[in-house]
C-alpha atoms as a PDB file:
ATOM      1  CA  UNK A   1       4.427 -33.420  14.923  1.00  0.00           C
ATOM      2  CA  UNK A   2       6.128 -31.808  17.888  1.00  0.00           C
ATOM      3  CA  UNK A   3       5.375 -28.345  19.184  1.00  0.00           C
ATOM      4  CA  UNK A   4       8.734 -27.070  17.882  1.00  0.00           C
ATOM      5  CA  UNK A   5       7.579 -27.948  14.363  1.00  0.00           C
ATOM      6  CA  UNK A   6       4.413 -25.902  14.858  1.00  0.00           C
ATOM      7  CA  UNK A   7       6.126 -22.524  15.133  1.00  0.00           C
ATOM      8  CA  UNK A   8       5.947 -20.296  12.104  1.00  0.00           C
ATOM      9  CA  UNK A   9       9.004 -19.827   9.946  1.00  0.00           C
ATOM     10  CA  UNK A  10       8.605 -16.920   7.535  1.00  0.00           C
ATOM     11  CA  UNK A  11      11.353 -15.815   5.134  1.00  0.00           C
ATOM     12  CA  UNK A  12      10.798 -12.203   4.021  1.00  0.00           C
ATOM     13  CA  UNK A  13      10.022 -11.496   0.406  1.00  0.00           C
ATOM     14  CA  UNK A  14      11.073  -8.436  -1.533  1.00  0.00           C
ATOM     15  CA  UNK A  15       8.707  -5.778  -2.922  1.00  0.00           C
ATOM     16  CA  UNK A  16       6.748  -7.713  -5.571  1.00  0.00           C
ATOM     17  CA  UNK A  17       7.671 -11.138  -4.163  1.00  0.00           C
ATOM     18  CA  UNK A  18       5.631 -12.438  -1.250  1.00  0.00           C
ATOM     19  CA  UNK A  19       7.106 -13.850   1.943  1.00  0.00           C
ATOM     20  CA  UNK A  20       7.999 -17.538   1.985  1.00  0.00           C
ATOM     21  CA  UNK A  21       6.127 -19.479   4.667  1.00  0.00           C
ATOM     22  CA  UNK A  22       8.016 -22.644   5.596  1.00  0.00           C
ATOM     23  CA  UNK A  23       5.689 -23.532   8.469  1.00  0.00           C
ATOM     24  CA  UNK A  24       4.157 -26.586   6.786  1.00  0.00           C
ATOM     25  CA  UNK A  25       7.108 -27.565   4.613  1.00  0.00           C
ATOM     26  CA  UNK A  26       9.196 -30.499   5.853  1.00  0.00           C
ATOM     27  CA  UNK A  27      12.488 -29.309   7.333  1.00  0.00           C
ATOM     28  CA  UNK A  28      14.628 -31.309   4.899  1.00  0.00           C
ATOM     29  CA  UNK A  29      13.249 -29.110   2.069  1.00  0.00           C
ATOM     30  CA  UNK A  30      13.966 -25.769   3.798  1.00  0.00           C
ATOM     31  CA  UNK A  31      17.487 -25.209   2.474  1.00  0.00           C
ATOM     32  CA  UNK A  32      16.499 -25.864  -1.142  1.00  0.00           C
ATOM     33  CA  UNK A  33      13.269 -23.856  -0.848  1.00  0.00           C
ATOM     34  CA  UNK A  34      15.068 -20.858   0.671  1.00  0.00           C
ATOM     35  CA  UNK A  35      17.692 -21.024  -2.097  1.00  0.00           C
ATOM     36  CA  UNK A  36      14.930 -20.998  -4.748  1.00  0.00           C
ATOM     37  CA  UNK A  37      13.230 -18.090  -2.980  1.00  0.00           C
ATOM     38  CA  UNK A  38      16.496 -16.112  -2.992  1.00  0.00           C
ATOM     39  CA  UNK A  39      17.028 -16.982  -6.663  1.00  0.00           C
ATOM     40  CA  UNK A  40      13.539 -15.627  -7.443  1.00  0.00           C
ATOM     41  CA  UNK A  41      14.360 -12.415  -5.563  1.00  0.00           C
ATOM     42  CA  UNK A  42      17.677 -12.021  -7.403  1.00  0.00           C
ATOM     43  CA  UNK A  43      15.965 -12.552 -10.771  1.00  0.00           C
ATOM     44  CA  UNK A  44      13.245 -10.070  -9.816  1.00  0.00           C
ATOM     45  CA  UNK A  45      15.831  -7.422  -8.879  1.00  0.00           C
ATOM     46  CA  UNK A  46      17.730  -8.001 -12.116  1.00  0.00           C
ATOM     47  CA  UNK A  47      14.513  -7.770 -14.145  1.00  0.00           C
ATOM     48  CA  UNK A  48      13.405  -4.587 -12.343  1.00  0.00           C
ATOM     49  CA  UNK A  49      16.802  -2.970 -12.911  1.00  0.00           C
ATOM     50  CA  UNK A  50      16.519  -3.666 -16.632  1.00  0.00           C
ATOM     51  CA  UNK A  51      13.257  -1.684 -16.864  1.00  0.00           C
ATOM     52  CA  UNK A  52      13.031   2.055 -17.410  1.00  0.00           C
ATOM     53  CA  UNK A  53      12.620   3.758 -14.030  1.00  0.00           C
ATOM     54  CA  UNK A  54       8.996   4.772 -14.658  1.00  0.00           C
ATOM     55  CA  UNK A  55       8.049   1.091 -15.148  1.00  0.00           C
ATOM     56  CA  UNK A  56       9.712  -0.266 -12.010  1.00  0.00           C
ATOM     57  CA  UNK A  57       7.665  -1.583  -9.100  1.00  0.00           C
ATOM     58  CA  UNK A  58       9.051   0.967  -6.616  1.00  0.00           C
ATOM     59  CA  UNK A  59       8.230   3.915  -8.836  1.00  0.00           C
ATOM     60  CA  UNK A  60       4.745   2.687  -9.681  1.00  0.00           C
ATOM     61  CA  UNK A  61       3.895   1.891  -6.050  1.00  0.00           C
ATOM     62  CA  UNK A  62       5.123   5.282  -4.842  1.00  0.00           C
ATOM     63  CA  UNK A  63       3.006   6.935  -7.514  1.00  0.00           C
ATOM     64  CA  UNK A  64      -0.082   4.915  -6.620  1.00  0.00           C
ATOM     65  CA  UNK A  65       0.380   5.569  -2.890  1.00  0.00           C
ATOM     66  CA  UNK A  66       0.770   9.295  -3.581  1.00  0.00           C
ATOM     67  CA  UNK A  67      -2.453   9.246  -5.621  1.00  0.00           C
ATOM     68  CA  UNK A  68      -4.302   7.440  -2.811  1.00  0.00           C
ATOM     69  CA  UNK A  69      -2.986   9.925  -0.234  1.00  0.00           C
ATOM     70  CA  UNK A  70      -4.098  12.857  -2.390  1.00  0.00           C
ATOM     71  CA  UNK A  71      -7.509  11.289  -2.883  1.00  0.00           C
ATOM     72  CA  UNK A  72      -7.901  10.730   0.868  1.00  0.00           C
ATOM     73  CA  UNK A  73      -6.885  14.316   1.626  1.00  0.00           C
ATOM     74  CA  UNK A  74      -9.366  15.682  -0.901  1.00  0.00           C
ATOM     75  CA  UNK A  75     -12.113  13.427   0.460  1.00  0.00           C
ATOM     76  CA  UNK A  76     -11.448  14.587   4.032  1.00  0.00           C
ATOM     77  CA  UNK A  77     -11.430  18.204   2.904  1.00  0.00           C
ATOM     78  CA  UNK A  78     -14.731  17.732   1.077  1.00  0.00           C
ATOM     79  CA  UNK A  79     -16.448  16.124   4.056  1.00  0.00           C
ATOM     80  CA  UNK A  80     -15.285  18.845   6.457  1.00  0.00           C
ATOM     81  CA  UNK A  81     -17.307  21.480   4.581  1.00  0.00           C
END
């Protein structure tokens, strides 16, 4: 394996789909693997768009993050007393 093959090659994911790490995948499989990754992302987007807004990943994650932020603020306030 040459040093050029050792560099990381990461294809970004999308919200609920993790990044694709091609680092240890033989180069002749990259094109097909990237196409499958993009197909997964497209299917995920289509599936998310078919859900009611309150059940979509973006909405749920924003809600959870807001709850965590509120909890952290309340905890800080409590400990400052």
